[in-house]
Amino acid sequence: MSIFSFLLGEKKKTATVAKERLQIILAHERDSRLPPADYLPALQRELVAVISKYVNIGSEDIKVNLERGESLEVLEVKIEIPQASSV
């Protein structure tokens, strides 16, 4: 670690920032005790909006699913990215 990175801080990668934001959203939703049907469609729309800035995808290319167990909740996000056609 250099003195500059210590003083100025290191720039976080986009994936790390997105993961932290998603964890905050899920923690907030878990605390508010809303049923998953209330926030999963909104989460899916927001994911489409963010990912479509970088890759050409539609809402049908992202599936969001929440499974609840006795002591565990699993959020599954499946993203199908179309193959780039080589011309």
PDB file of N, CA and C in Angstrom:
ATOM      1  N   MET A   1       0.854  -1.168   0.000  1.00  0.00           N
ATOM      2  CA  MET A   1       0.000   0.000   0.000  1.00  0.00           C
ATOM      3  C   MET A   1       0.905   1.238   0.000  1.00  0.00           C
ATOM      4  N   SER A   2       0.690   2.110  -0.925  1.00  0.00           N
ATOM      5  CA  SER A   2       1.495   3.326  -0.985  1.00  0.00           C
ATOM      6  C   SER A   2       0.858   4.405  -0.113  1.00  0.00           C
ATOM      7  N   ILE A   3       1.648   5.418   0.163  1.00  0.00           N
ATOM      8  CA  ILE A   3       1.163   6.528   0.992  1.00  0.00           C
ATOM      9  C   ILE A   3       0.025   7.279   0.294  1.00  0.00           C
ATOM     10  N   PHE A   4       0.087   7.339  -1.062  1.00  0.00           N
ATOM     11  CA  PHE A   4      -0.963   8.039  -1.802  1.00  0.00           C
ATOM     12  C   PHE A   4      -2.290   7.295  -1.727  1.00  0.00           C
ATOM     13  N   SER A   5      -2.241   5.973  -1.865  1.00  0.00           N
ATOM     14  CA  SER A   5      -3.495   5.220  -1.780  1.00  0.00           C
ATOM     15  C   SER A   5      -4.067   5.270  -0.375  1.00  0.00           C
ATOM     16  N   PHE A   6      -3.191   5.367   0.624  1.00  0.00           N
ATOM     17  CA  PHE A   6      -3.673   5.486   1.997  1.00  0.00           C
ATOM     18  C   PHE A   6      -4.349   6.831   2.224  1.00  0.00           C
ATOM     19  N   LEU A   7      -3.737   7.901   1.738  1.00  0.00           N
ATOM     20  CA  LEU A   7      -4.276   9.247   1.949  1.00  0.00           C
ATOM     21  C   LEU A   7      -5.495   9.528   1.069  1.00  0.00           C
ATOM     22  N   LEU A   8      -5.404   9.123  -0.180  1.00  0.00           N
ATOM     23  CA  LEU A   8      -6.471   9.441  -1.125  1.00  0.00           C
ATOM     24  C   LEU A   8      -7.537   8.353  -1.183  1.00  0.00           C
ATOM     25  N   GLY A   9      -7.209   7.184  -0.726  1.00  0.00           N
ATOM     26  CA  GLY A   9      -8.147   6.073  -0.817  1.00  0.00           C
ATOM     27  C   GLY A   9      -8.076   5.459  -2.197  1.00  0.00           C
ATOM     28  N   GLU A  10      -8.369   4.176  -2.258  1.00  0.00           N
ATOM     29  CA  GLU A  10      -8.353   3.498  -3.543  1.00  0.00           C
ATOM     30  C   GLU A  10      -9.744   3.541  -4.153  1.00  0.00           C
ATOM     31  N   LYS A  11      -9.775   3.659  -5.468  1.00  0.00           N
ATOM     32  CA  LYS A  11     -11.054   3.675  -6.164  1.00  0.00           C
ATOM     33  C   LYS A  11     -11.610   2.256  -6.204  1.00  0.00           C
ATOM     34  N   LYS A  12     -12.839   2.095  -5.751  1.00  0.00           N
ATOM     35  CA  LYS A  12     -13.455   0.776  -5.727  1.00  0.00           C
ATOM     36  C   LYS A  12     -13.898   0.399  -7.131  1.00  0.00           C
ATOM     37  N   LYS A  13     -13.870  -0.879  -7.411  1.00  0.00           N
ATOM     38  CA  LYS A  13     -14.325  -1.374  -8.704  1.00  0.00           C
ATOM     39  C   LYS A  13     -15.843  -1.331  -8.754  1.00  0.00           C
ATOM     40  N   THR A  14     -16.382  -1.206  -9.946  1.00  0.00           N
ATOM     41  CA  THR A  14     -17.821  -1.087 -10.139  1.00  0.00           C
ATOM     42  C   THR A  14     -18.566  -2.282  -9.559  1.00  0.00           C
ATOM     43  N   ALA A  15     -18.047  -3.477  -9.759  1.00  0.00           N
ATOM     44  CA  ALA A  15     -18.708  -4.677  -9.252  1.00  0.00           C
ATOM     45  C   ALA A  15     -18.785  -4.652  -7.730  1.00  0.00           C
ATOM     46  N   THR A  16     -17.743  -4.191  -7.079  1.00  0.00           N
ATOM     47  CA  THR A  16     -17.729  -4.124  -5.621  1.00  0.00           C
ATOM     48  C   THR A  16     -18.769  -3.135  -5.126  1.00  0.00           C
ATOM     49  N   VAL A  17     -18.846  -1.993  -5.775  1.00  0.00           N
ATOM     50  CA  VAL A  17     -19.827  -0.974  -5.387  1.00  0.00           C
ATOM     51  C   VAL A  17     -21.240  -1.507  -5.601  1.00  0.00           C
ATOM     52  N   ALA A  18     -21.481  -2.172  -6.734  1.00  0.00           N
ATOM     53  CA  ALA A  18     -22.815  -2.718  -7.012  1.00  0.00           C
ATOM     54  C   ALA A  18     -23.192  -3.778  -5.986  1.00  0.00           C
ATOM     55  N   LYS A  19     -22.235  -4.620  -5.606  1.00  0.00           N
ATOM     56  CA  LYS A  19     -22.504  -5.653  -4.608  1.00  0.00           C
ATOM     57  C   LYS A  19     -22.855  -5.027  -3.264  1.00  0.00           C
ATOM     58  N   GLU A  20     -22.113  -3.997  -2.869  1.00  0.00           N
ATOM     59  CA  GLU A  20     -22.396  -3.328  -1.600  1.00  0.00           C
ATOM     60  C   GLU A  20     -23.770  -2.673  -1.619  1.00  0.00           C
ATOM     61  N   ARG A  21     -24.129  -2.056  -2.731  1.00  0.00           N
ATOM     62  CA  ARG A  21     -25.450  -1.418  -2.838  1.00  0.00           C
ATOM     63  C   ARG A  21     -26.562  -2.445  -2.751  1.00  0.00           C
ATOM     64  N   LEU A  22     -26.372  -3.585  -3.422  1.00  0.00           N
ATOM     65  CA  LEU A  22     -27.381  -4.638  -3.387  1.00  0.00           C
ATOM     66  C   LEU A  22     -27.535  -5.188  -1.975  1.00  0.00           C
ATOM     67  N   GLN A  23     -26.433  -5.333  -1.249  1.00  0.00           N
ATOM     68  CA  GLN A  23     -26.505  -5.805   0.129  1.00  0.00           C
ATOM     69  C   GLN A  23     -27.264  -4.816   1.007  1.00  0.00           C
ATOM     70  N   ILE A  24     -27.057  -3.531   0.779  1.00  0.00           N
ATOM     71  CA  ILE A  24     -27.774  -2.511   1.547  1.00  0.00           C
ATOM     72  C   ILE A  24     -29.263  -2.558   1.242  1.00  0.00           C
ATOM     73  N   ILE A  25     -29.603  -2.682  -0.036  1.00  0.00           N
ATOM     74  CA  ILE A  25     -31.013  -2.753  -0.429  1.00  0.00           C
ATOM     75  C   ILE A  25     -31.679  -3.963   0.201  1.00  0.00           C
ATOM     76  N   LEU A  26     -31.009  -5.107   0.128  1.00  0.00           N
ATOM     77  CA  LEU A  26     -31.603  -6.326   0.694  1.00  0.00           C
ATOM     78  C   LEU A  26     -31.748  -6.238   2.207  1.00  0.00           C
ATOM     79  N   ALA A  27     -30.760  -5.669   2.872  1.00  0.00           N
ATOM     80  CA  ALA A  27     -30.853  -5.506   4.318  1.00  0.00           C
ATOM     81  C   ALA A  27     -32.016  -4.580   4.685  1.00  0.00           C
ATOM     82  N   HIS A  28     -32.173  -3.508   3.924  1.00  0.00           N
ATOM     83  CA  HIS A  28     -33.270  -2.569   4.171  1.00  0.00           C
ATOM     84  C   HIS A  28     -34.621  -3.246   3.948  1.00  0.00           C
ATOM     85  N   GLU A  29     -34.731  -3.981   2.857  1.00  0.00           N
ATOM     86  CA  GLU A  29     -35.992  -4.651   2.556  1.00  0.00           C
ATOM     87  C   GLU A  29     -36.302  -5.718   3.598  1.00  0.00           C
ATOM     88  N   ARG A  30     -35.279  -6.410   4.067  1.00  0.00           N
ATOM     89  CA  ARG A  30     -35.481  -7.437   5.077  1.00  0.00           C
ATOM     90  C   ARG A  30     -35.979  -6.814   6.379  1.00  0.00           C
ATOM     91  N   ASP A  31     -35.428  -5.651   6.717  1.00  0.00           N
ATOM     92  CA  ASP A  31     -35.846  -4.975   7.946  1.00  0.00           C
ATOM     93  C   ASP A  31     -37.265  -4.439   7.856  1.00  0.00           C
ATOM     94  N   SER A  32     -37.659  -3.998   6.676  1.00  0.00           N
ATOM     95  CA  SER A  32     -39.000  -3.431   6.543  1.00  0.00           C
ATOM     96  C   SER A  32     -40.075  -4.508   6.423  1.00  0.00           C
ATOM     97  N   ARG A  33     -39.668  -5.746   6.281  1.00  0.00           N
ATOM     98  CA  ARG A  33     -40.573  -6.901   6.248  1.00  0.00           C
ATOM     99  C   ARG A  33     -41.627  -6.818   5.143  1.00  0.00           C
ATOM    100  N   LEU A  34     -41.235  -6.260   4.025  1.00  0.00           N
ATOM    101  CA  LEU A  34     -42.147  -6.253   2.886  1.00  0.00           C
ATOM    102  C   LEU A  34     -42.121  -7.618   2.208  1.00  0.00           C
ATOM    103  N   PRO A  35     -43.245  -8.062   1.692  1.00  0.00           N
ATOM    104  CA  PRO A  35     -43.220  -9.315   0.942  1.00  0.00           C
ATOM    105  C   PRO A  35     -42.347  -9.159  -0.307  1.00  0.00           C
ATOM    106  N   PRO A  36     -41.687 -10.221  -0.758  1.00  0.00           N
ATOM    107  CA  PRO A  36     -40.787 -10.120  -1.903  1.00  0.00           C
ATOM    108  C   PRO A  36     -41.465  -9.605  -3.161  1.00  0.00           C
ATOM    109  N   ALA A  37     -42.748  -9.858  -3.307  1.00  0.00           N
ATOM    110  CA  ALA A  37     -43.455  -9.412  -4.503  1.00  0.00           C
ATOM    111  C   ALA A  37     -43.432  -7.894  -4.631  1.00  0.00           C
ATOM    112  N   ASP A  38     -43.224  -7.189  -3.518  1.00  0.00           N
ATOM    113  CA  ASP A  38     -43.226  -5.733  -3.558  1.00  0.00           C
ATOM    114  C   ASP A  38     -41.950  -5.148  -4.147  1.00  0.00           C
ATOM    115  N   TYR A  39     -40.812  -5.759  -3.872  1.00  0.00           N
ATOM    116  CA  TYR A  39     -39.568  -5.139  -4.331  1.00  0.00           C
ATOM    117  C   TYR A  39     -38.838  -5.915  -5.422  1.00  0.00           C
ATOM    118  N   LEU A  40     -39.156  -7.171  -5.653  1.00  0.00           N
ATOM    119  CA  LEU A  40     -38.442  -7.925  -6.681  1.00  0.00           C
ATOM    120  C   LEU A  40     -38.661  -7.376  -8.090  1.00  0.00           C
ATOM    121  N   PRO A  41     -39.876  -7.016  -8.489  1.00  0.00           N
ATOM    122  CA  PRO A  41     -40.038  -6.428  -9.820  1.00  0.00           C
ATOM    123  C   PRO A  41     -39.267  -5.117  -9.978  1.00  0.00           C
ATOM    124  N   ALA A  42     -39.251  -4.295  -8.939  1.00  0.00           N
ATOM    125  CA  ALA A  42     -38.496  -3.039  -9.005  1.00  0.00           C
ATOM    126  C   ALA A  42     -37.005  -3.318  -9.098  1.00  0.00           C
ATOM    127  N   LEU A  43     -36.533  -4.305  -8.353  1.00  0.00           N
ATOM    128  CA  LEU A  43     -35.125  -4.686  -8.403  1.00  0.00           C
ATOM    129  C   LEU A  43     -34.762  -5.165  -9.796  1.00  0.00           C
ATOM    130  N   GLN A  44     -35.634  -5.946 -10.406  1.00  0.00           N
ATOM    131  CA  GLN A  44     -35.379  -6.452 -11.756  1.00  0.00           C
ATOM    132  C   GLN A  44     -35.319  -5.298 -12.758  1.00  0.00           C
ATOM    133  N   ARG A  45     -36.225  -4.336 -12.663  1.00  0.00           N
ATOM    134  CA  ARG A  45     -36.212  -3.183 -13.584  1.00  0.00           C
ATOM    135  C   ARG A  45     -34.928  -2.371 -13.418  1.00  0.00           C
ATOM    136  N   GLU A  46     -34.508  -2.176 -12.175  1.00  0.00           N
ATOM    137  CA  GLU A  46     -33.295  -1.405 -11.940  1.00  0.00           C
ATOM    138  C   GLU A  46     -32.059  -2.131 -12.455  1.00  0.00           C
ATOM    139  N   LEU A  47     -32.018  -3.447 -12.296  1.00  0.00           N
ATOM    140  CA  LEU A  47     -30.897  -4.214 -12.826  1.00  0.00           C
ATOM    141  C   LEU A  47     -30.834  -4.113 -14.350  1.00  0.00           C
ATOM    142  N   VAL A  48     -31.984  -4.200 -15.000  1.00  0.00           N
ATOM    143  CA  VAL A  48     -32.030  -4.056 -16.461  1.00  0.00           C
ATOM    144  C   VAL A  48     -31.509  -2.683 -16.868  1.00  0.00           C
ATOM    145  N   ALA A  49     -31.923  -1.649 -16.169  1.00  0.00           N
ATOM    146  CA  ALA A  49     -31.488  -0.292 -16.503  1.00  0.00           C
ATOM    147  C   ALA A  49     -29.982  -0.138 -16.364  1.00  0.00           C
ATOM    148  N   VAL A  50     -29.411  -0.685 -15.299  1.00  0.00           N
ATOM    149  CA  VAL A  50     -27.974  -0.542 -15.077  1.00  0.00           C
ATOM    150  C   VAL A  50     -27.182  -1.366 -16.080  1.00  0.00           C
ATOM    151  N   ILE A  51     -27.547  -2.634 -16.254  1.00  0.00           N
ATOM    152  CA  ILE A  51     -26.780  -3.519 -17.127  1.00  0.00           C
ATOM    153  C   ILE A  51     -26.912  -3.107 -18.584  1.00  0.00           C
ATOM    154  N   SER A  52     -28.074  -2.580 -18.971  1.00  0.00           N
ATOM    155  CA  SER A  52     -28.270  -2.188 -20.370  1.00  0.00           C
ATOM    156  C   SER A  52     -27.426  -0.979 -20.756  1.00  0.00           C
ATOM    157  N   LYS A  53     -26.823  -0.297 -19.785  1.00  0.00           N
ATOM    158  CA  LYS A  53     -25.877   0.771 -20.112  1.00  0.00           C
ATOM    159  C   LYS A  53     -24.616   0.205 -20.758  1.00  0.00           C
ATOM    160  N   TYR A  54     -24.305  -1.053 -20.434  1.00  0.00           N
ATOM    161  CA  TYR A  54     -23.069  -1.673 -20.891  1.00  0.00           C
ATOM    162  C   TYR A  54     -23.274  -2.788 -21.898  1.00  0.00           C
ATOM    163  N   VAL A  55     -24.426  -3.479 -21.817  1.00  0.00           N
ATOM    164  CA  VAL A  55     -24.721  -4.616 -22.690  1.00  0.00           C
ATOM    165  C   VAL A  55     -26.156  -4.480 -23.182  1.00  0.00           C
ATOM    166  N   ASN A  56     -26.396  -4.842 -24.417  1.00  0.00           N
ATOM    167  CA  ASN A  56     -27.733  -4.758 -24.989  1.00  0.00           C
ATOM    168  C   ASN A  56     -28.568  -5.948 -24.501  1.00  0.00           C
ATOM    169  N   ILE A  57     -29.418  -5.708 -23.483  1.00  0.00           N
ATOM    170  CA  ILE A  57     -30.288  -6.745 -22.939  1.00  0.00           C
ATOM    171  C   ILE A  57     -31.691  -6.185 -22.753  1.00  0.00           C
ATOM    172  N   GLY A  58     -32.632  -7.083 -22.597  1.00  0.00           N
ATOM    173  CA  GLY A  58     -34.011  -6.688 -22.328  1.00  0.00           C
ATOM    174  C   GLY A  58     -34.469  -7.245 -20.997  1.00  0.00           C
ATOM    175  N   SER A  59     -35.670  -6.888 -20.595  1.00  0.00           N
ATOM    176  CA  SER A  59     -36.180  -7.329 -19.293  1.00  0.00           C
ATOM    177  C   SER A  59     -36.373  -8.848 -19.246  1.00  0.00           C
ATOM    178  N   GLU A  60     -36.567  -9.475 -20.391  1.00  0.00           N
ATOM    179  CA  GLU A  60     -36.733 -10.931 -20.406  1.00  0.00           C
ATOM    180  C   GLU A  60     -35.414 -11.669 -20.194  1.00  0.00           C
ATOM    181  N   ASP A  61     -34.286 -10.960 -20.253  1.00  0.00           N
ATOM    182  CA  ASP A  61     -32.963 -11.572 -20.089  1.00  0.00           C
ATOM    183  C   ASP A  61     -32.525 -11.651 -18.627  1.00  0.00           C
ATOM    184  N   ILE A  62     -33.291 -11.064 -17.713  1.00  0.00           N
ATOM    185  CA  ILE A  62     -32.938 -11.087 -16.280  1.00  0.00           C
ATOM    186  C   ILE A  62     -34.085 -11.713 -15.497  1.00  0.00           C
ATOM    187  N   LYS A  63     -33.731 -12.706 -14.701  1.00  0.00           N
ATOM    188  CA  LYS A  63     -34.695 -13.363 -13.824  1.00  0.00           C
ATOM    189  C   LYS A  63     -34.234 -13.175 -12.382  1.00  0.00           C
ATOM    190  N   VAL A  64     -35.124 -12.705 -11.521  1.00  0.00           N
ATOM    191  CA  VAL A  64     -34.816 -12.504 -10.103  1.00  0.00           C
ATOM    192  C   VAL A  64     -35.753 -13.402  -9.301  1.00  0.00           C
ATOM    193  N   ASN A  65     -35.165 -14.190  -8.400  1.00  0.00           N
ATOM    194  CA  ASN A  65     -35.943 -15.128  -7.613  1.00  0.00           C
ATOM    195  C   ASN A  65     -35.473 -15.088  -6.159  1.00  0.00           C
ATOM    196  N   LEU A  66     -36.390 -15.163  -5.229  1.00  0.00           N
ATOM    197  CA  LEU A  66     -36.064 -15.183  -3.813  1.00  0.00           C
ATOM    198  C   LEU A  66     -36.638 -16.456  -3.213  1.00  0.00           C
ATOM    199  N   GLU A  67     -35.743 -17.249  -2.600  1.00  0.00           N
ATOM    200  CA  GLU A  67     -36.170 -18.474  -1.923  1.00  0.00           C
ATOM    201  C   GLU A  67     -35.936 -18.298  -0.436  1.00  0.00           C
ATOM    202  N   ARG A  68     -36.956 -18.660   0.355  1.00  0.00           N
ATOM    203  CA  ARG A  68     -36.859 -18.522   1.802  1.00  0.00           C
ATOM    204  C   ARG A  68     -36.861 -19.902   2.445  1.00  0.00           C
ATOM    205  N   GLY A  69     -35.898 -20.083   3.339  1.00  0.00           N
ATOM    206  CA  GLY A  69     -35.851 -21.288   4.157  1.00  0.00           C
ATOM    207  C   GLY A  69     -36.152 -20.919   5.590  1.00  0.00           C
ATOM    208  N   GLU A  70     -35.848 -21.833   6.500  1.00  0.00           N
ATOM    209  CA  GLU A  70     -36.110 -21.561   7.916  1.00  0.00           C
ATOM    210  C   GLU A  70     -35.236 -20.423   8.439  1.00  0.00           C
ATOM    211  N   SER A  71     -33.954 -20.482   8.123  1.00  0.00           N
ATOM    212  CA  SER A  71     -33.039 -19.468   8.641  1.00  0.00           C
ATOM    213  C   SER A  71     -32.209 -18.819   7.542  1.00  0.00           C
ATOM    214  N   LEU A  72     -32.613 -19.000   6.293  1.00  0.00           N
ATOM    215  CA  LEU A  72     -31.803 -18.520   5.188  1.00  0.00           C
ATOM    216  C   LEU A  72     -32.684 -18.013   4.062  1.00  0.00           C
ATOM    217  N   GLU A  73     -32.293 -16.893   3.490  1.00  0.00           N
ATOM    218  CA  GLU A  73     -32.946 -16.380   2.295  1.00  0.00           C
ATOM    219  C   GLU A  73     -31.900 -16.339   1.197  1.00  0.00           C
ATOM    220  N   VAL A  74     -32.265 -16.814   0.016  1.00  0.00           N
ATOM    221  CA  VAL A  74     -31.343 -16.839  -1.109  1.00  0.00           C
ATOM    222  C   VAL A  74     -31.941 -16.017  -2.241  1.00  0.00           C
ATOM    223  N   LEU A  75     -31.202 -14.998  -2.640  1.00  0.00           N
ATOM    224  CA  LEU A  75     -31.609 -14.181  -3.780  1.00  0.00           C
ATOM    225  C   LEU A  75     -30.823 -14.661  -4.983  1.00  0.00           C
ATOM    226  N   GLU A  76     -31.537 -15.105  -5.997  1.00  0.00           N
ATOM    227  CA  GLU A  76     -30.904 -15.600  -7.210  1.00  0.00           C
ATOM    228  C   GLU A  76     -31.172 -14.606  -8.330  1.00  0.00           C
ATOM    229  N   VAL A  77     -30.113 -14.170  -8.980  1.00  0.00           N
ATOM    230  CA  VAL A  77     -30.232 -13.270 -10.120  1.00  0.00           C
ATOM    231  C   VAL A  77     -29.574 -13.964 -11.300  1.00  0.00           C
ATOM    232  N   LYS A  78     -30.362 -14.272 -12.311  1.00  0.00           N
ATOM    233  CA  LYS A  78     -29.853 -14.949 -13.495  1.00  0.00           C
ATOM    234  C   LYS A  78     -29.917 -13.956 -14.660  1.00  0.00           C
ATOM    235  N   ILE A  79     -28.760 -13.710 -15.268  1.00  0.00           N
ATOM    236  CA  ILE A  79     -28.674 -12.746 -16.358  1.00  0.00           C
ATOM    237  C   ILE A  79     -28.162 -13.452 -17.592  1.00  0.00           C
ATOM    238  N   GLU A  80     -28.954 -13.425 -18.646  1.00  0.00           N
ATOM    239  CA  GLU A  80     -28.541 -14.012 -19.918  1.00  0.00           C
ATOM    240  C   GLU A  80     -28.042 -12.888 -20.822  1.00  0.00           C
ATOM    241  N   ILE A  81     -26.757 -12.943 -21.136  1.00  0.00           N
ATOM    242  CA  ILE A  81     -26.153 -11.924 -21.987  1.00  0.00           C
ATOM    243  C   ILE A  81     -26.026 -12.506 -23.381  1.00  0.00           C
ATOM    244  N   PRO A  82     -26.618 -11.850 -24.370  1.00  0.00           N
ATOM    245  CA  PRO A  82     -26.566 -12.379 -25.743  1.00  0.00           C
ATOM    246  C   PRO A  82     -25.125 -12.371 -26.265  1.00  0.00           C
ATOM    247  N   GLN A  83     -24.842 -13.358 -27.107  1.00  0.00           N
ATOM    248  CA  GLN A  83     -23.539 -13.450 -27.745  1.00  0.00           C
ATOM    249  C   GLN A  83     -23.363 -12.295 -28.716  1.00  0.00           C
ATOM    250  N   ALA A  84     -22.164 -11.720 -28.730  1.00  0.00           N
ATOM    251  CA  ALA A  84     -21.863 -10.674 -29.698  1.00  0.00           C
ATOM    252  C   ALA A  84     -21.617 -11.335 -31.041  1.00  0.00           C
ATOM    253  N   SER A  85     -22.310 -10.884 -32.059  1.00  0.00           N
ATOM    254  CA  SER A  85     -22.131 -11.483 -33.385  1.00  0.00           C
ATOM    255  C   SER A  85     -20.883 -10.912 -34.036  1.00  0.00           C
ATOM    256  N   SER A  86     -20.055 -11.800 -34.521  1.00  0.00           N
ATOM    257  CA  SER A  86     -18.815 -11.355 -35.185  1.00  0.00           C
ATOM    258  C   SER A  86     -19.107 -11.163 -36.658  1.00  0.00           C
ATOM    259  N   VAL A  87     -18.819  -9.952 -37.141  1.00  0.00           N
ATOM    260  CA  VAL A  87     -19.117  -9.605 -38.534  1.00  0.00           C
ATOM    261  C   VAL A  87     -17.837  -9.544 -39.315  1.00  0.00           C
TER     262      VAL A  87
END
